[in-house]
Amino acid sequence: MGVVFITAINTLIFWGLTKVGNTSGADPLIPLISVGILSFLVSCITLGLFDDAIRATLMCFAVDMDLNNGSP
């Protein structure tokens, strides 16, 4: 959900900037698609690191509760 939101916001901001500064009338479709793909990849990589950290923390918590009879 966060990755899609970040991608959408970045793409909308880029689209808005192309509408404001477009004096030549060029079509911004290809740059818009490339910004969307690049934004998706960067946010997947960045948020993937946090996903791994949260998973490791929860796994350590579960092992700790298992070894101490249900109390952390």
C-alpha atoms as a PDB file:
ATOM      1  CA  MET A   1       0.000   0.000   0.000  1.00  0.00           C
ATOM      2  CA  GLY A   2       2.830   2.385   0.843  1.00  0.00           C
ATOM      3  CA  VAL A   3       4.707   1.594  -2.352  1.00  0.00           C
ATOM      4  CA  VAL A   4       1.664   2.334  -4.503  1.00  0.00           C
ATOM      5  CA  PHE A   5       0.947   5.571  -2.617  1.00  0.00           C
ATOM      6  CA  ILE A   6       4.538   6.807  -2.972  1.00  0.00           C
ATOM      7  CA  THR A   7       4.558   5.924  -6.668  1.00  0.00           C
ATOM      8  CA  ALA A   8       1.249   7.683  -7.280  1.00  0.00           C
ATOM      9  CA  ILE A   9       2.273  10.850  -5.430  1.00  0.00           C
ATOM     10  CA  ASN A  10       5.634  11.058  -7.222  1.00  0.00           C
ATOM     11  CA  THR A  11       4.001  10.507 -10.600  1.00  0.00           C
ATOM     12  CA  LEU A  12       1.321  13.114  -9.916  1.00  0.00           C
ATOM     13  CA  ILE A  13       3.919  15.652  -8.823  1.00  0.00           C
ATOM     14  CA  PHE A  14       5.927  15.006 -11.995  1.00  0.00           C
ATOM     15  CA  TRP A  15       2.780  15.296 -14.116  1.00  0.00           C
ATOM     16  CA  GLY A  16       1.981  18.618 -12.466  1.00  0.00           C
ATOM     17  CA  LEU A  17       5.483  19.906 -13.101  1.00  0.00           C
ATOM     18  CA  THR A  18       5.254  18.948 -16.776  1.00  0.00           C
ATOM     19  CA  LYS A  19       1.971  20.816 -17.115  1.00  0.00           C
ATOM     20  CA  VAL A  20       3.399  23.974 -15.543  1.00  0.00           C
ATOM     21  CA  GLY A  21       6.690  24.074 -17.457  1.00  0.00           C
ATOM     22  CA  ASN A  22       5.576  22.661 -20.812  1.00  0.00           C
ATOM     23  CA  THR A  23       5.844  25.563 -23.261  1.00  0.00           C
ATOM     24  CA  SER A  24       6.733  23.478 -26.326  1.00  0.00           C
ATOM     25  CA  GLY A  25       3.617  21.285 -26.261  1.00  0.00           C
ATOM     26  CA  ALA A  26       5.606  18.031 -26.101  1.00  0.00           C
ATOM     27  CA  ASP A  27       3.839  14.884 -24.904  1.00  0.00           C
ATOM     28  CA  PRO A  28       5.111  13.871 -21.422  1.00  0.00           C
ATOM     29  CA  LEU A  29       3.807  10.264 -21.597  1.00  0.00           C
ATOM     30  CA  ILE A  30       7.142   8.426 -21.937  1.00  0.00           C
ATOM     31  CA  PRO A  31       8.894  10.446 -19.184  1.00  0.00           C
ATOM     32  CA  LEU A  32       5.801  10.020 -16.998  1.00  0.00           C
ATOM     33  CA  ILE A  33       5.921   6.234 -17.395  1.00  0.00           C
ATOM     34  CA  SER A  34       9.660   6.132 -16.700  1.00  0.00           C
ATOM     35  CA  VAL A  35       9.268   8.255 -13.557  1.00  0.00           C
ATOM     36  CA  GLY A  36       6.489   5.946 -12.363  1.00  0.00           C
ATOM     37  CA  ILE A  37       8.571   2.800 -12.907  1.00  0.00           C
ATOM     38  CA  LEU A  38      11.687   4.292 -11.308  1.00  0.00           C
ATOM     39  CA  SER A  39       9.673   5.560  -8.353  1.00  0.00           C
ATOM     40  CA  PHE A  40       8.108   2.119  -7.893  1.00  0.00           C
ATOM     41  CA  LEU A  41      11.503   0.387  -7.921  1.00  0.00           C
ATOM     42  CA  VAL A  42      13.138   2.827  -5.504  1.00  0.00           C
ATOM     43  CA  SER A  43      10.250   2.673  -3.043  1.00  0.00           C
ATOM     44  CA  CYS A  44      10.195  -1.159  -3.209  1.00  0.00           C
ATOM     45  CA  ILE A  45      13.894  -1.287  -2.378  1.00  0.00           C
ATOM     46  CA  THR A  46      13.644   1.286   0.412  1.00  0.00           C
ATOM     47  CA  LEU A  47      10.528  -0.097   2.076  1.00  0.00           C
ATOM     48  CA  GLY A  48      11.788  -3.667   1.608  1.00  0.00           C
ATOM     49  CA  LEU A  49      14.600  -2.924   4.054  1.00  0.00           C
ATOM     50  CA  PHE A  50      12.080  -1.854   6.690  1.00  0.00           C
ATOM     51  CA  ASP A  51       9.985  -4.946   5.967  1.00  0.00           C
ATOM     52  CA  ASP A  52      12.965  -7.201   6.688  1.00  0.00           C
ATOM     53  CA  ALA A  53      13.756  -5.327   9.904  1.00  0.00           C
ATOM     54  CA  ILE A  54      10.184  -5.660  11.172  1.00  0.00           C
ATOM     55  CA  ARG A  55      10.060  -9.351  10.281  1.00  0.00           C
ATOM     56  CA  ALA A  56      13.349  -9.995  12.144  1.00  0.00           C
ATOM     57  CA  THR A  57      12.125  -8.107  15.219  1.00  0.00           C
ATOM     58  CA  LEU A  58       8.861 -10.059  15.347  1.00  0.00           C
ATOM     59  CA  MET A  59      10.690 -13.353  14.874  1.00  0.00           C
ATOM     60  CA  CYS A  60      13.042 -12.553  17.757  1.00  0.00           C
ATOM     61  CA  PHE A  61      10.048 -11.638  19.905  1.00  0.00           C
ATOM     62  CA  ALA A  62       8.316 -14.930  19.059  1.00  0.00           C
ATOM     63  CA  VAL A  63      11.413 -16.980  19.879  1.00  0.00           C
ATOM     64  CA  ASP A  64      11.842 -15.087  23.160  1.00  0.00           C
ATOM     65  CA  MET A  65       8.229 -15.785  24.133  1.00  0.00           C
ATOM     66  CA  ASP A  66       8.640 -19.460  23.178  1.00  0.00           C
ATOM     67  CA  LEU A  67      11.735 -19.868  25.323  1.00  0.00           C
ATOM     68  CA  ASN A  68      10.234 -18.066  28.354  1.00  0.00           C
ATOM     69  CA  ASN A  69       6.881 -19.902  28.487  1.00  0.00           C
ATOM     70  CA  GLY A  70       4.767 -17.138  26.968  1.00  0.00           C
ATOM     71  CA  SER A  71       6.197 -14.084  28.729  1.00  0.00           C
ATOM     72  CA  PRO A  72       8.609 -11.833  26.900  1.00  0.00           C
END
